[in-house]
Amino acid sequence: MKQGRREKLSVTVDPHLYEVIERHAARAKLPKSKVVEEAIRVWDGARRAALARDGYRRAAAEDLADAEAYLLALDELGEE
């Protein structure tokens, strides 16, 4: 990804999370800010995926209800 303008953010985290961030940064040889940035990207992607799954489930339920109503209407037309 091309690096453009960056914004500064100051956050306070639990000491355990800070250790996790430091450990990942050291292993990957990256600044802690890059580790946090990637963690936010992963979290945001997971959140968006969960919202999409919920939307697809609602749409599927609505489609099923519409299909059942349509089939019921066809059955009623066939009985006349």
C-alpha atoms as a PDB file:
ATOM      1  CA  MET A   1       0.000   0.000   0.000  1.00  0.00           C
ATOM      2  CA  LYS A   2       1.311   3.433  -0.899  1.00  0.00           C
ATOM      3  CA  GLN A   3       2.011   5.643   2.088  1.00  0.00           C
ATOM      4  CA  GLY A   4       0.395   9.038   1.931  1.00  0.00           C
ATOM      5  CA  ARG A   5      -0.463  11.623   4.512  1.00  0.00           C
ATOM      6  CA  ARG A   6      -0.544  10.208   8.019  1.00  0.00           C
ATOM      7  CA  GLU A   7      -2.515  11.287  11.073  1.00  0.00           C
ATOM      8  CA  LYS A   8      -1.141  11.122  14.595  1.00  0.00           C
ATOM      9  CA  LEU A   9      -3.166   9.280  17.218  1.00  0.00           C
ATOM     10  CA  SER A  10      -2.411   8.912  20.895  1.00  0.00           C
ATOM     11  CA  VAL A  11      -4.079   6.014  22.686  1.00  0.00           C
ATOM     12  CA  THR A  12      -3.902   4.440  26.116  1.00  0.00           C
ATOM     13  CA  VAL A  13      -4.071   0.647  26.250  1.00  0.00           C
ATOM     14  CA  ASP A  14      -4.036  -2.058  28.861  1.00  0.00           C
ATOM     15  CA  PRO A  15      -0.467  -3.053  29.836  1.00  0.00           C
ATOM     16  CA  HIS A  16      -1.030  -6.580  28.512  1.00  0.00           C
ATOM     17  CA  LEU A  17      -2.070  -5.223  25.109  1.00  0.00           C
ATOM     18  CA  TYR A  18       0.941  -2.954  25.086  1.00  0.00           C
ATOM     19  CA  GLU A  19       3.177  -5.990  25.614  1.00  0.00           C
ATOM     20  CA  VAL A  20       1.400  -7.791  22.777  1.00  0.00           C
ATOM     21  CA  ILE A  21       1.921  -4.812  20.477  1.00  0.00           C
ATOM     22  CA  GLU A  22       5.588  -4.553  21.436  1.00  0.00           C
ATOM     23  CA  ARG A  23       6.126  -8.280  20.891  1.00  0.00           C
ATOM     24  CA  HIS A  24       4.521  -8.233  17.431  1.00  0.00           C
ATOM     25  CA  ALA A  25       6.425  -5.098  16.481  1.00  0.00           C
ATOM     26  CA  ALA A  26       9.743  -6.642  17.523  1.00  0.00           C
ATOM     27  CA  ARG A  27       9.061  -9.920  15.685  1.00  0.00           C
ATOM     28  CA  ALA A  28       7.963  -8.146  12.506  1.00  0.00           C
ATOM     29  CA  LYS A  29      10.622  -5.435  12.872  1.00  0.00           C
ATOM     30  CA  LEU A  30       7.959  -2.776  12.464  1.00  0.00           C
ATOM     31  CA  PRO A  31       7.036   0.337  14.429  1.00  0.00           C
ATOM     32  CA  LYS A  32       4.293  -0.180  16.994  1.00  0.00           C
ATOM     33  CA  SER A  33       2.096   2.220  15.024  1.00  0.00           C
ATOM     34  CA  LYS A  34       2.188  -0.153  12.022  1.00  0.00           C
ATOM     35  CA  VAL A  35       1.150  -3.070  14.223  1.00  0.00           C
ATOM     36  CA  VAL A  36      -1.770  -1.086  15.631  1.00  0.00           C
ATOM     37  CA  GLU A  37      -2.720   0.119  12.156  1.00  0.00           C
ATOM     38  CA  GLU A  38      -2.822  -3.469  10.856  1.00  0.00           C
ATOM     39  CA  ALA A  39      -4.827  -4.603  13.885  1.00  0.00           C
ATOM     40  CA  ILE A  40      -7.407  -1.899  13.170  1.00  0.00           C
ATOM     41  CA  ARG A  41      -7.565  -2.950   9.502  1.00  0.00           C
ATOM     42  CA  VAL A  42      -8.154  -6.577  10.510  1.00  0.00           C
ATOM     43  CA  TRP A  43     -10.789  -5.569  13.077  1.00  0.00           C
ATOM     44  CA  ASP A  44     -12.561  -3.317  10.579  1.00  0.00           C
ATOM     45  CA  GLY A  45     -12.538  -6.041   7.931  1.00  0.00           C
ATOM     46  CA  ALA A  46     -14.010  -8.557  10.382  1.00  0.00           C
ATOM     47  CA  ARG A  47     -16.662  -6.052  11.460  1.00  0.00           C
ATOM     48  CA  ARG A  48     -17.626  -5.338   7.849  1.00  0.00           C
ATOM     49  CA  ALA A  49     -17.746  -9.060   7.053  1.00  0.00           C
ATOM     50  CA  ALA A  50     -20.034  -9.666  10.050  1.00  0.00           C
ATOM     51  CA  LEU A  51     -22.355  -6.869   8.921  1.00  0.00           C
ATOM     52  CA  ALA A  52     -22.436  -8.308   5.402  1.00  0.00           C
ATOM     53  CA  ARG A  53     -23.206 -11.815   6.728  1.00  0.00           C
ATOM     54  CA  ASP A  54     -26.069 -10.419   8.814  1.00  0.00           C
ATOM     55  CA  GLY A  55     -27.400  -8.525   5.802  1.00  0.00           C
ATOM     56  CA  TYR A  56     -27.246 -11.606   3.575  1.00  0.00           C
ATOM     57  CA  ARG A  57     -28.998 -13.688   6.233  1.00  0.00           C
ATOM     58  CA  ARG A  58     -31.809 -11.116   6.519  1.00  0.00           C
ATOM     59  CA  ALA A  59     -32.120 -10.912   2.739  1.00  0.00           C
ATOM     60  CA  ALA A  60     -32.200 -14.717   2.468  1.00  0.00           C
ATOM     61  CA  ALA A  61     -34.954 -14.919   5.084  1.00  0.00           C
ATOM     62  CA  GLU A  62     -36.968 -12.266   3.232  1.00  0.00           C
ATOM     63  CA  ASP A  63     -36.414 -14.044  -0.095  1.00  0.00           C
ATOM     64  CA  LEU A  64     -37.561 -17.341   1.427  1.00  0.00           C
ATOM     65  CA  ALA A  65     -40.696 -15.706   2.844  1.00  0.00           C
ATOM     66  CA  ASP A  66     -41.448 -14.132  -0.560  1.00  0.00           C
ATOM     67  CA  ALA A  67     -40.911 -17.453  -2.350  1.00  0.00           C
ATOM     68  CA  GLU A  68     -43.191 -19.298   0.077  1.00  0.00           C
ATOM     69  CA  ALA A  69     -45.920 -16.668  -0.358  1.00  0.00           C
ATOM     70  CA  TYR A  70     -45.557 -16.874  -4.149  1.00  0.00           C
ATOM     71  CA  LEU A  71     -45.803 -20.684  -4.105  1.00  0.00           C
ATOM     72  CA  LEU A  72     -48.844 -20.528  -1.825  1.00  0.00           C
ATOM     73  CA  ALA A  73     -50.497 -18.084  -4.232  1.00  0.00           C
ATOM     74  CA  LEU A  74     -49.718 -20.420  -7.156  1.00  0.00           C
ATOM     75  CA  ASP A  75     -51.185 -23.360  -5.251  1.00  0.00           C
ATOM     76  CA  GLU A  76     -54.357 -21.388  -4.537  1.00  0.00           C
ATOM     77  CA  LEU A  77     -54.666 -20.421  -8.199  1.00  0.00           C
ATOM     78  CA  GLY A  78     -54.277 -24.046  -9.218  1.00  0.00           C
ATOM     79  CA  GLU A  79     -57.052 -25.212  -6.920  1.00  0.00           C
ATOM     80  CA  GLU A  80     -59.748 -23.098  -8.571  1.00  0.00           C
END
